[in-house]
Protein backbone atom coordinates (compact mmCIF):
# COMPACT_ATOMS: atom_id res chain seq x y z
CA ALA A 1 -18.97 10.87 -4.23
CA PRO A 2 -17.35 8.30 -6.41
CA VAL A 3 -16.37 8.17 -9.68
CA ALA A 4 -16.46 6.44 -12.97
CA CYS A 5 -12.86 5.14 -14.08
CA LEU A 6 -13.85 5.75 -17.84
CA LEU A 7 -12.21 2.31 -18.89
CA CYS A 8 -13.20 0.04 -16.56
CA ASP A 9 -15.34 1.26 -14.85
CA LYS A 10 -14.81 1.02 -10.71
CA LYS A 11 -15.13 3.71 -8.90
CA LEU A 12 -12.01 5.75 -6.80
CA LYS A 13 -12.32 9.39 -4.82
CA PHE A 14 -11.47 11.72 -7.62
CA LYS A 15 -8.71 13.00 -6.80
CA GLU A 16 -7.53 8.90 -7.54
CA ILE A 17 -8.63 9.20 -10.84
CA SER A 18 -6.16 10.30 -13.21
CA GLU A 19 -3.32 8.16 -11.00
CA HIS A 20 -5.94 5.44 -11.95
CA ILE A 21 -5.78 5.44 -15.95
CA HIS A 22 -2.10 6.25 -15.96
CA GLU A 23 -1.92 2.23 -14.48
CA HIS A 24 -3.94 1.93 -17.16
CA PHE A 25 -1.69 3.18 -19.86
CA SER A 26 1.10 1.34 -17.96
CA TYR A 27 2.70 5.37 -17.28
CA PHE A 28 4.75 5.25 -14.50
CA PRO A 29 6.36 9.64 -13.85
CA TYR A 30 6.77 8.98 -9.90
CA ARG A 31 10.27 6.75 -10.35
CA CYS A 32 13.02 5.36 -7.87
CA ASN A 33 16.57 7.04 -7.75
CA ASP A 34 18.22 4.59 -6.62
CA CYS A 35 16.45 1.59 -8.24
CA ASP A 36 14.06 0.61 -11.41
CA PHE A 37 11.04 0.65 -8.82
CA LYS A 38 8.67 2.97 -10.82
CA SER A 39 4.57 3.67 -10.02
CA SER A 40 2.04 5.75 -11.40
CA GLN A 41 1.81 6.22 -7.59
CA ALA A 42 3.11 8.60 -6.21
CA SER A 43 2.87 7.88 -2.46
CA GLU A 44 3.24 4.22 -4.07
CA LEU A 45 7.63 5.66 -4.73
CA GLU A 46 7.11 7.51 -1.09
CA TYR A 47 6.32 4.23 0.19
CA HIS A 48 8.83 2.35 -1.79
CA ILE A 49 11.73 4.73 -0.55
CA TYR A 50 10.90 5.45 2.99
CA PHE A 51 10.71 1.40 3.87
CA LYS A 52 13.09 -0.52 1.00
CA GLU A 53 17.02 -0.24 2.54
CA HIS A 54 17.57 -0.73 -1.62
CA ASN A 55 19.65 -4.29 -0.97
CA GLY A 56 16.76 -6.01 -1.82
CA VAL A 57 14.49 -7.10 2.16
CA GLU A 58 12.07 -4.47 3.21
CA SER A 59 12.97 -2.44 6.10
CA VAL A 60 12.76 -4.50 9.87
CA ASP A 61 12.49 -0.82 11.85
CA GLN A 62 8.89 -1.69 13.79
CA TYR A 63 8.67 1.99 14.68
CA LYS A 64 9.36 3.01 10.13
CA LYS A 65 7.15 0.09 8.92
CA GLN A 66 4.26 1.10 11.39
CA GLU A 67 4.46 4.93 10.47
CA VAL A 68 4.58 4.05 7.56
CA GLU A 69 1.29 1.79 7.05
CA GLU A 70 -0.29 3.92 9.02
CA LYS A 71 0.29 7.08 6.44
CA LYS A 72 -0.66 5.04 3.95
CA TYR A 73 -3.99 2.63 5.06
CA GLY A 74 -5.15 5.05 7.87
CA LYS A 75 -5.70 3.65 11.68
CA ASP A 76 -8.47 2.95 11.33
CA GLU A 77 -8.33 0.63 8.25
CA LEU A 78 -5.10 -0.52 10.45
CA LEU A 79 -6.47 -1.88 14.09
CA LYS A 80 -9.67 -3.45 12.21
CA LYS A 81 -6.87 -5.97 9.85
CA LYS A 82 -4.57 -6.09 13.11
CA LYS A 83 -8.47 -7.44 14.49
CA LYS A 84 -8.76 -9.44 11.89
CA LYS A 85 -5.52 -11.49 12.19
CA MET A 86 -5.78 -11.65 16.35
CA LYS A 87 -8.96 -13.61 15.93
CA SER A 88 -7.58 -15.68 12.15
CA THR A 89 -4.56 -16.66 15.21
CA SER A 90 -6.04 -17.66 18.06
CA SER A 91 -8.16 -20.50 17.56
CA PHE A 92 -7.74 -23.93 20.20
CA SER A 93 -6.49 -25.76 17.45
CA THR A 94 -3.32 -23.64 16.91
CA LEU A 95 -2.47 -23.98 20.70
CA LEU A 96 -2.37 -27.97 20.03
CA PRO A 97 0.92 -29.50 18.65
């Protein structure tokens, strides 16, 4: 069952509430060792470390990107996003010069 944040009434899963409250107080315990990135969520730091090359450019490895996004959002959510994107780009107006 969802739990409401005492500060903003946002409904979250029980396991997400402590990291959410960290954001309210600008508490960022998860920090990158290679740059000044910091986060209130361990998953965001993991995503950053895995996906950034630390020269300001995101990794272009599509397999790596897919793996990270599946872990972050889940396969079902990614499929929904992909289908939605395909619908928006498949109209006849995009084919006209």
